[in-house]
Amino acid sequence: MSTQTLPEVDVRPDGTDQSGDDTPKMFHYVRKAKIAESAVMGTHVVALCGEVFPVTRSPKPGSPVCPDCKKIYENLPPGGDGD
């Protein structure tokens, strides 16, 4: 199986890992264009770290971010052509 890194750089964090009170433990970076579709249609998104989940929450300033997603995002080339 091969692994593919998402080419789009225009991403924002979104939550998955849930705590007991339905609050995400951390947020993941996903393609910006897929966030609204997932929130409305319930489709799953793929985070930069490979986590697959439906969008259920929006991050607040200071929310914890997945360290793997953050590391991948920081290593992406600047600019990116959104698709």
Protein backbone atom coordinates (compact mmCIF):
# COMPACT_ATOMS: atom_id res chain seq x y z
CA MET A 1 0.00 0.00 0.00
CA SER A 2 1.35 3.45 -0.84
CA THR A 3 0.82 6.64 1.12
CA GLN A 4 -0.10 9.89 -0.58
CA THR A 5 0.34 13.34 0.94
CA LEU A 6 -2.47 15.75 0.20
CA PRO A 7 -1.21 18.48 -2.15
CA GLU A 8 -3.54 21.25 -0.98
CA VAL A 9 -1.95 23.70 1.45
CA ASP A 10 -5.09 25.69 2.27
CA VAL A 11 -6.26 23.70 5.29
CA ARG A 12 -7.60 24.39 8.72
CA PRO A 13 -7.83 22.13 11.74
CA ASP A 14 -10.96 20.16 12.46
CA GLY A 15 -11.75 17.80 15.31
CA THR A 16 -12.04 14.08 15.57
CA ASP A 17 -10.73 12.38 18.66
CA GLN A 18 -13.59 12.73 21.10
CA SER A 19 -13.47 12.92 24.87
CA GLY A 20 -16.27 11.57 27.06
CA ASP A 21 -18.26 14.82 26.89
CA ASP A 22 -18.36 14.92 23.04
CA THR A 23 -15.61 17.56 22.92
CA PRO A 24 -12.73 16.71 20.55
CA LYS A 25 -9.43 15.98 22.32
CA MET A 26 -7.55 17.45 19.37
CA PHE A 27 -8.20 18.89 15.95
CA HIS A 28 -6.74 17.70 12.64
CA TYR A 29 -5.78 19.53 9.45
CA VAL A 30 -8.08 18.65 6.53
CA ARG A 31 -8.77 20.07 3.07
CA LYS A 32 -10.70 23.30 3.47
CA ALA A 33 -12.95 22.52 0.50
CA LYS A 34 -14.11 19.27 2.15
CA ILE A 35 -15.05 20.71 5.56
CA ALA A 36 -18.46 22.18 4.61
CA GLU A 37 -19.38 19.14 2.51
CA SER A 38 -18.62 16.82 5.42
CA ALA A 39 -20.48 18.98 7.93
CA VAL A 40 -23.61 19.12 5.74
CA MET A 41 -23.59 15.72 4.04
CA GLY A 42 -21.88 13.69 6.75
CA THR A 43 -19.17 12.46 4.38
CA HIS A 44 -15.77 11.59 5.80
CA VAL A 45 -12.64 13.70 5.37
CA VAL A 46 -9.00 12.59 5.46
CA ALA A 47 -6.66 14.54 7.73
CA LEU A 48 -3.03 15.16 6.79
CA CYS A 49 -2.03 12.48 9.31
CA GLY A 50 -4.33 9.94 7.64
CA GLU A 51 -7.16 9.98 10.20
CA VAL A 52 -10.57 9.54 8.51
CA PHE A 53 -13.69 11.01 10.15
CA PRO A 54 -16.83 13.13 9.59
CA VAL A 55 -16.59 16.82 10.53
CA THR A 56 -18.58 17.46 13.69
CA ARG A 57 -16.94 20.47 15.38
CA SER A 58 -15.07 23.66 14.55
CA PRO A 59 -11.87 24.54 16.41
CA LYS A 60 -11.70 27.47 18.79
CA PRO A 61 -8.54 29.55 19.21
CA GLY A 62 -6.11 27.68 21.42
CA SER A 63 -7.65 24.25 20.69
CA PRO A 64 -5.14 21.38 20.72
CA VAL A 65 -3.92 20.33 17.25
CA CYS A 66 -2.81 16.86 16.19
CA PRO A 67 1.02 16.93 16.36
CA ASP A 68 1.34 14.72 13.26
CA CYS A 69 -0.93 16.99 11.18
CA LYS A 70 0.92 20.08 12.40
CA LYS A 71 4.32 18.61 11.50
CA ILE A 72 3.13 17.60 8.00
CA TYR A 73 1.47 20.99 7.43
CA GLU A 74 4.60 22.89 8.45
CA ASN A 75 6.66 20.85 5.97
CA LEU A 76 4.36 21.45 2.98
CA PRO A 77 5.66 23.85 0.34
CA PRO A 78 4.18 27.37 0.55
CA GLY A 79 1.62 28.48 -2.01
CA GLY A 80 -0.27 25.40 -3.14
CA ASP A 81 -2.87 25.40 -5.89
CA GLY A 82 -6.22 24.65 -4.26
CA ASP A 83 -8.13 21.99 -6.23
